[in-house]
Amino acid sequence: MTRWQDLGAALRDHPVNNPIESEQKTEFGQKVTVQCQISTPDGSNPCIRTVWMVEAETSPRLVTAYPATE
């Protein structure tokens, strides 16, 4: 992929531009799941799900991203 910077920016913006689907407290921190559209260069903007871990005193960390099937 030659536009990896665009993908990185779109993933970072995903939780800002979409509602939180669920939150769960775990032994590793707060697990936050966000679902729906991600911006793409071609404008197709597919619905994806991202999972983030929010730990005390640190920035949220992306755990995974995958196509939403719902």
PDB file of N, CA and C in Angstrom:
ATOM      1  N   MET A   1       0.846  -1.175   0.000  1.00  0.00           N
ATOM      2  CA  MET A   1       0.000   0.000   0.000  1.00  0.00           C
ATOM      3  C   MET A   1       0.891   1.238   0.000  1.00  0.00           C
ATOM      4  N   THR A   2       0.709   2.094  -0.918  1.00  0.00           N
ATOM      5  CA  THR A   2       1.555   3.277  -1.028  1.00  0.00           C
ATOM      6  C   THR A   2       1.014   4.457  -0.235  1.00  0.00           C
ATOM      7  N   ARG A   3      -0.221   4.384   0.245  1.00  0.00           N
ATOM      8  CA  ARG A   3      -0.807   5.498   0.990  1.00  0.00           C
ATOM      9  C   ARG A   3      -1.068   5.095   2.434  1.00  0.00           C
ATOM     10  N   TRP A   4      -0.077   4.467   3.055  1.00  0.00           N
ATOM     11  CA  TRP A   4      -0.241   3.988   4.418  1.00  0.00           C
ATOM     12  C   TRP A   4      -0.479   5.127   5.406  1.00  0.00           C
ATOM     13  N   GLN A   5       0.042   6.319   5.108  1.00  0.00           N
ATOM     14  CA  GLN A   5      -0.192   7.457   5.996  1.00  0.00           C
ATOM     15  C   GLN A   5      -1.682   7.814   6.035  1.00  0.00           C
ATOM     16  N   ASP A   6      -2.345   7.712   4.883  1.00  0.00           N
ATOM     17  CA  ASP A   6      -3.785   7.989   4.830  1.00  0.00           C
ATOM     18  C   ASP A   6      -4.565   6.977   5.667  1.00  0.00           C
ATOM     19  N   LEU A   7      -4.170   5.720   5.586  1.00  0.00           N
ATOM     20  CA  LEU A   7      -4.822   4.681   6.386  1.00  0.00           C
ATOM     21  C   LEU A   7      -4.615   4.954   7.870  1.00  0.00           C
ATOM     22  N   GLY A   8      -3.404   5.297   8.255  1.00  0.00           N
ATOM     23  CA  GLY A   8      -3.119   5.602   9.662  1.00  0.00           C
ATOM     24  C   GLY A   8      -3.964   6.755  10.170  1.00  0.00           C
ATOM     25  N   ALA A   9      -4.073   7.804   9.381  1.00  0.00           N
ATOM     26  CA  ALA A   9      -4.879   8.966   9.774  1.00  0.00           C
ATOM     27  C   ALA A   9      -6.360   8.589   9.876  1.00  0.00           C
ATOM     28  N   ALA A  10      -6.855   7.800   8.936  1.00  0.00           N
ATOM     29  CA  ALA A  10      -8.261   7.381   8.946  1.00  0.00           C
ATOM     30  C   ALA A  10      -8.564   6.522  10.174  1.00  0.00           C
ATOM     31  N   LEU A  11      -7.632   5.644  10.545  1.00  0.00           N
ATOM     32  CA  LEU A  11      -7.831   4.810  11.737  1.00  0.00           C
ATOM     33  C   LEU A  11      -7.823   5.660  13.003  1.00  0.00           C
ATOM     34  N   ARG A  12      -6.930   6.636  13.081  1.00  0.00           N
ATOM     35  CA  ARG A  12      -6.894   7.519  14.258  1.00  0.00           C
ATOM     36  C   ARG A  12      -8.163   8.355  14.362  1.00  0.00           C
ATOM     37  N   ASP A  13      -8.744   8.736  13.222  1.00  0.00           N
ATOM     38  CA  ASP A  13      -9.967   9.538  13.216  1.00  0.00           C
ATOM     39  C   ASP A  13     -11.231   8.715  13.444  1.00  0.00           C
ATOM     40  N   HIS A  14     -11.153   7.410  13.257  1.00  0.00           N
ATOM     41  CA  HIS A  14     -12.337   6.550  13.347  1.00  0.00           C
ATOM     42  C   HIS A  14     -13.106   6.727  14.665  1.00  0.00           C
ATOM     43  N   PRO A  15     -12.458   6.700  15.833  1.00  0.00           N
ATOM     44  CA  PRO A  15     -13.228   6.873  17.072  1.00  0.00           C
ATOM     45  C   PRO A  15     -13.708   8.313  17.301  1.00  0.00           C
ATOM     46  N   VAL A  16     -13.121   9.256  16.612  1.00  0.00           N
ATOM     47  CA  VAL A  16     -13.548  10.652  16.728  1.00  0.00           C
ATOM     48  C   VAL A  16     -14.824  10.880  15.915  1.00  0.00           C
ATOM     49  N   ASN A  17     -14.929  10.205  14.767  1.00  0.00           N
ATOM     50  CA  ASN A  17     -16.026  10.437  13.828  1.00  0.00           C
ATOM     51  C   ASN A  17     -17.188   9.458  13.955  1.00  0.00           C
ATOM     52  N   ASN A  18     -17.090   8.484  14.855  1.00  0.00           N
ATOM     53  CA  ASN A  18     -18.124   7.452  14.971  1.00  0.00           C
ATOM     54  C   ASN A  18     -18.460   7.194  16.431  1.00  0.00           C
ATOM     55  N   PRO A  19     -19.671   6.670  16.689  1.00  0.00           N
ATOM     56  CA  PRO A  19     -20.068   6.417  18.078  1.00  0.00           C
ATOM     57  C   PRO A  19     -19.365   5.191  18.670  1.00  0.00           C
ATOM     58  N   ILE A  20     -19.226   5.231  19.975  1.00  0.00           N
ATOM     59  CA  ILE A  20     -18.696   4.073  20.701  1.00  0.00           C
ATOM     60  C   ILE A  20     -19.792   3.011  20.738  1.00  0.00           C
ATOM     61  N   GLU A  21     -19.428   1.795  20.355  1.00  0.00           N
ATOM     62  CA  GLU A  21     -20.374   0.684  20.352  1.00  0.00           C
ATOM     63  C   GLU A  21     -20.439   0.029  21.731  1.00  0.00           C
ATOM     64  N   SER A  22     -19.276  -0.132  22.365  1.00  0.00           N
ATOM     65  CA  SER A  22     -19.249  -0.734  23.691  1.00  0.00           C
ATOM     66  C   SER A  22     -17.971  -0.339  24.426  1.00  0.00           C
ATOM     67  N   GLU A  23     -18.048  -0.417  25.756  1.00  0.00           N
ATOM     68  CA  GLU A  23     -16.900  -0.192  26.621  1.00  0.00           C
ATOM     69  C   GLU A  23     -16.895  -1.294  27.664  1.00  0.00           C
ATOM     70  N   GLN A  24     -15.699  -1.769  27.994  1.00  0.00           N
ATOM     71  CA  GLN A  24     -15.585  -2.845  28.971  1.00  0.00           C
ATOM     72  C   GLN A  24     -14.299  -2.653  29.763  1.00  0.00           C
ATOM     73  N   LYS A  25     -14.412  -2.700  31.065  1.00  0.00           N
ATOM     74  CA  LYS A  25     -13.237  -2.602  31.917  1.00  0.00           C
ATOM     75  C   LYS A  25     -12.576  -3.971  31.981  1.00  0.00           C
ATOM     76  N   THR A  26     -11.274  -4.029  31.713  1.00  0.00           N
ATOM     77  CA  THR A  26     -10.532  -5.287  31.759  1.00  0.00           C
ATOM     78  C   THR A  26      -9.304  -5.106  32.644  1.00  0.00           C
ATOM     79  N   GLU A  27      -8.594  -6.171  32.867  1.00  0.00           N
ATOM     80  CA  GLU A  27      -7.371  -6.086  33.671  1.00  0.00           C
ATOM     81  C   GLU A  27      -6.274  -5.295  32.948  1.00  0.00           C
ATOM     82  N   PHE A  28      -6.427  -5.079  31.651  1.00  0.00           N
ATOM     83  CA  PHE A  28      -5.440  -4.354  30.858  1.00  0.00           C
ATOM     84  C   PHE A  28      -5.803  -2.891  30.640  1.00  0.00           C
ATOM     85  N   GLY A  29      -6.988  -2.495  31.084  1.00  0.00           N
ATOM     86  CA  GLY A  29      -7.463  -1.124  30.892  1.00  0.00           C
ATOM     87  C   GLY A  29      -8.875  -1.137  30.348  1.00  0.00           C
ATOM     88  N   GLN A  30      -9.333   0.003  29.871  1.00  0.00           N
ATOM     89  CA  GLN A  30     -10.675   0.144  29.315  1.00  0.00           C
ATOM     90  C   GLN A  30     -10.657  -0.246  27.839  1.00  0.00           C
ATOM     91  N   LYS A  31     -11.446  -1.256  27.486  1.00  0.00           N
ATOM     92  CA  LYS A  31     -11.563  -1.706  26.094  1.00  0.00           C
ATOM     93  C   LYS A  31     -12.732  -0.962  25.464  1.00  0.00           C
ATOM     94  N   VAL A  32     -12.470  -0.251  24.363  1.00  0.00           N
ATOM     95  CA  VAL A  32     -13.482   0.545  23.684  1.00  0.00           C
ATOM     96  C   VAL A  32     -13.619   0.044  22.246  1.00  0.00           C
ATOM     97  N   THR A  33     -14.849  -0.247  21.840  1.00  0.00           N
ATOM     98  CA  THR A  33     -15.134  -0.704  20.478  1.00  0.00           C
ATOM     99  C   THR A  33     -15.934   0.371  19.761  1.00  0.00           C
ATOM    100  N   VAL A  34     -15.479   0.711  18.555  1.00  0.00           N
ATOM    101  CA  VAL A  34     -16.124   1.740  17.732  1.00  0.00           C
ATOM    102  C   VAL A  34     -16.489   1.099  16.399  1.00  0.00           C
ATOM    103  N   GLN A  35     -17.662   1.426  15.887  1.00  0.00           N
ATOM    104  CA  GLN A  35     -18.078   0.836  14.609  1.00  0.00           C
ATOM    105  C   GLN A  35     -18.649   1.872  13.672  1.00  0.00           C
ATOM    106  N   CYS A  36     -18.346   1.753  12.483  1.00  0.00           N
ATOM    107  CA  CYS A  36     -18.948   2.300  11.272  1.00  0.00           C
ATOM    108  C   CYS A  36     -17.926   2.932  10.353  1.00  0.00           C
ATOM    109  N   GLN A  37     -18.320   3.879   9.560  1.00  0.00           N
ATOM    110  CA  GLN A  37     -17.549   4.290   8.391  1.00  0.00           C
ATOM    111  C   GLN A  37     -16.150   4.803   8.698  1.00  0.00           C
ATOM    112  N   ILE A  38     -15.242   4.437   7.794  1.00  0.00           N
ATOM    113  CA  ILE A  38     -13.883   4.955   7.808  1.00  0.00           C
ATOM    114  C   ILE A  38     -13.666   5.659   6.467  1.00  0.00           C
ATOM    115  N   SER A  39     -13.016   6.786   6.509  1.00  0.00           N
ATOM    116  CA  SER A  39     -12.763   7.544   5.276  1.00  0.00           C
ATOM    117  C   SER A  39     -11.741   6.829   4.402  1.00  0.00           C
ATOM    118  N   THR A  40     -12.045   6.769   3.102  1.00  0.00           N
ATOM    119  CA  THR A  40     -11.130   6.145   2.150  1.00  0.00           C
ATOM    120  C   THR A  40     -10.905   7.087   0.965  1.00  0.00           C
ATOM    121  N   PRO A  41      -9.741   6.982   0.307  1.00  0.00           N
ATOM    122  CA  PRO A  41      -9.453   7.859  -0.827  1.00  0.00           C
ATOM    123  C   PRO A  41     -10.457   7.741  -1.973  1.00  0.00           C
ATOM    124  N   ASP A  42     -11.025   6.544  -2.161  1.00  0.00           N
ATOM    125  CA  ASP A  42     -11.960   6.368  -3.275  1.00  0.00           C
ATOM    126  C   ASP A  42     -13.401   6.732  -2.910  1.00  0.00           C
ATOM    127  N   GLY A  43     -13.619   7.112  -1.644  1.00  0.00           N
ATOM    128  CA  GLY A  43     -14.944   7.536  -1.212  1.00  0.00           C
ATOM    129  C   GLY A  43     -15.911   6.420  -0.892  1.00  0.00           C
ATOM    130  N   SER A  44     -15.457   5.154  -0.917  1.00  0.00           N
ATOM    131  CA  SER A  44     -16.367   4.045  -0.615  1.00  0.00           C
ATOM    132  C   SER A  44     -16.727   3.983   0.870  1.00  0.00           C
ATOM    133  N   ASN A  45     -15.851   4.447   1.731  1.00  0.00           N
ATOM    134  CA  ASN A  45     -16.077   4.579   3.173  1.00  0.00           C
ATOM    135  C   ASN A  45     -16.790   3.375   3.804  1.00  0.00           C
ATOM    136  N   PRO A  46     -16.149   2.205   3.814  1.00  0.00           N
ATOM    137  CA  PRO A  46     -16.786   1.001   4.360  1.00  0.00           C
ATOM    138  C   PRO A  46     -16.971   1.092   5.870  1.00  0.00           C
ATOM    139  N   CYS A  47     -17.885   0.292   6.377  1.00  0.00           N
ATOM    140  CA  CYS A  47     -18.120   0.196   7.815  1.00  0.00           C
ATOM    141  C   CYS A  47     -17.119  -0.801   8.395  1.00  0.00           C
ATOM    142  N   ILE A  48     -16.338  -0.326   9.367  1.00  0.00           N
ATOM    143  CA  ILE A  48     -15.381  -1.213  10.034  1.00  0.00           C
ATOM    144  C   ILE A  48     -15.601  -1.130  11.536  1.00  0.00           C
ATOM    145  N   ARG A  49     -14.976  -2.047  12.253  1.00  0.00           N
ATOM    146  CA  ARG A  49     -14.985  -2.028  13.713  1.00  0.00           C
ATOM    147  C   ARG A  49     -13.536  -1.894  14.173  1.00  0.00           C
ATOM    148  N   THR A  50     -13.288  -0.953  15.082  1.00  0.00           N
ATOM    149  CA  THR A  50     -11.963  -0.816  15.675  1.00  0.00           C
ATOM    150  C   THR A  50     -12.085  -1.074  17.173  1.00  0.00           C
ATOM    151  N   VAL A  51     -11.026  -1.650  17.731  1.00  0.00           N
ATOM    152  CA  VAL A  51     -10.968  -1.905  19.164  1.00  0.00           C
ATOM    153  C   VAL A  51      -9.745  -1.188  19.701  1.00  0.00           C
ATOM    154  N   TRP A  52      -9.957  -0.431  20.771  1.00  0.00           N
ATOM    155  CA  TRP A  52      -8.916   0.379  21.386  1.00  0.00           C
ATOM    156  C   TRP A  52      -8.777   0.013  22.851  1.00  0.00           C
ATOM    157  N   MET A  53      -7.563   0.090  23.380  1.00  0.00           N
ATOM    158  CA  MET A  53      -7.327  -0.054  24.815  1.00  0.00           C
ATOM    159  C   MET A  53      -6.920   1.308  25.344  1.00  0.00           C
ATOM    160  N   VAL A  54      -7.594   1.729  26.410  1.00  0.00           N
ATOM    161  CA  VAL A  54      -7.286   3.001  27.046  1.00  0.00           C
ATOM    162  C   VAL A  54      -6.754   2.675  28.431  1.00  0.00           C
ATOM    163  N   GLU A  55      -5.479   2.964  28.637  1.00  0.00           N
ATOM    164  CA  GLU A  55      -4.839   2.706  29.913  1.00  0.00           C
ATOM    165  C   GLU A  55      -4.597   4.037  30.615  1.00  0.00           C
ATOM    166  N   ALA A  56      -4.533   4.012  31.922  1.00  0.00           N
ATOM    167  CA  ALA A  56      -4.307   5.233  32.689  1.00  0.00           C
ATOM    168  C   ALA A  56      -3.013   5.909  32.246  1.00  0.00           C
ATOM    169  N   GLU A  57      -3.100   7.216  32.073  1.00  0.00           N
ATOM    170  CA  GLU A  57      -1.929   8.045  31.781  1.00  0.00           C
ATOM    171  C   GLU A  57      -1.301   7.822  30.400  1.00  0.00           C
ATOM    172  N   THR A  58      -1.963   7.113  29.492  1.00  0.00           N
ATOM    173  CA  THR A  58      -1.416   6.905  28.153  1.00  0.00           C
ATOM    174  C   THR A  58      -2.474   7.205  27.096  1.00  0.00           C
ATOM    175  N   SER A  59      -2.042   7.367  25.876  1.00  0.00           N
ATOM    176  CA  SER A  59      -2.967   7.562  24.758  1.00  0.00           C
ATOM    177  C   SER A  59      -3.641   6.239  24.414  1.00  0.00           C
ATOM    178  N   PRO A  60      -4.856   6.297  23.870  1.00  0.00           N
ATOM    179  CA  PRO A  60      -5.516   5.057  23.439  1.00  0.00           C
ATOM    180  C   PRO A  60      -4.642   4.306  22.432  1.00  0.00           C
ATOM    181  N   ARG A  61      -4.684   2.980  22.513  1.00  0.00           N
ATOM    182  CA  ARG A  61      -3.865   2.131  21.647  1.00  0.00           C
ATOM    183  C   ARG A  61      -4.787   1.270  20.794  1.00  0.00           C
ATOM    184  N   LEU A  62      -4.577   1.332  19.471  1.00  0.00           N
ATOM    185  CA  LEU A  62      -5.358   0.502  18.545  1.00  0.00           C
ATOM    186  C   LEU A  62      -4.957  -0.956  18.714  1.00  0.00           C
ATOM    187  N   VAL A  63      -5.954  -1.812  18.930  1.00  0.00           N
ATOM    188  CA  VAL A  63      -5.697  -3.248  19.087  1.00  0.00           C
ATOM    189  C   VAL A  63      -5.947  -3.969  17.765  1.00  0.00           C
ATOM    190  N   THR A  64      -7.085  -3.671  17.121  1.00  0.00           N
ATOM    191  CA  THR A  64      -7.423  -4.334  15.866  1.00  0.00           C
ATOM    192  C   THR A  64      -8.457  -3.517  15.106  1.00  0.00           C
ATOM    193  N   ALA A  65      -8.557  -3.784  13.832  1.00  0.00           N
ATOM    194  CA  ALA A  65      -9.571  -3.190  12.967  1.00  0.00           C
ATOM    195  C   ALA A  65      -9.975  -4.248  11.943  1.00  0.00           C
ATOM    196  N   TYR A  66     -11.287  -4.376  11.697  1.00  0.00           N
ATOM    197  CA  TYR A  66     -11.753  -5.369  10.740  1.00  0.00           C
ATOM    198  C   TYR A  66     -13.119  -4.951  10.191  1.00  0.00           C
ATOM    199  N   PRO A  67     -13.510  -5.502   9.048  1.00  0.00           N
ATOM    200  CA  PRO A  67     -14.808  -5.138   8.466  1.00  0.00           C
ATOM    201  C   PRO A  67     -15.957  -5.530   9.404  1.00  0.00           C
ATOM    202  N   ALA A  68     -16.907  -4.644   9.576  1.00  0.00           N
ATOM    203  CA  ALA A  68     -18.086  -4.953  10.379  1.00  0.00           C
ATOM    204  C   ALA A  68     -19.054  -5.760   9.516  1.00  0.00           C
ATOM    205  N   THR A  69     -19.635  -6.779  10.075  1.00  0.00           N
ATOM    206  CA  THR A  69     -20.515  -7.655   9.306  1.00  0.00           C
ATOM    207  C   THR A  69     -21.983  -7.361   9.547  1.00  0.00           C
ATOM    208  N   GLU A  70     -22.290  -6.460  10.446  1.00  0.00           N
ATOM    209  CA  GLU A  70     -23.691  -6.160  10.773  1.00  0.00           C
ATOM    210  C   GLU A  70     -24.226  -5.071   9.898  1.00  0.00           C
TER     211      GLU A  70
END
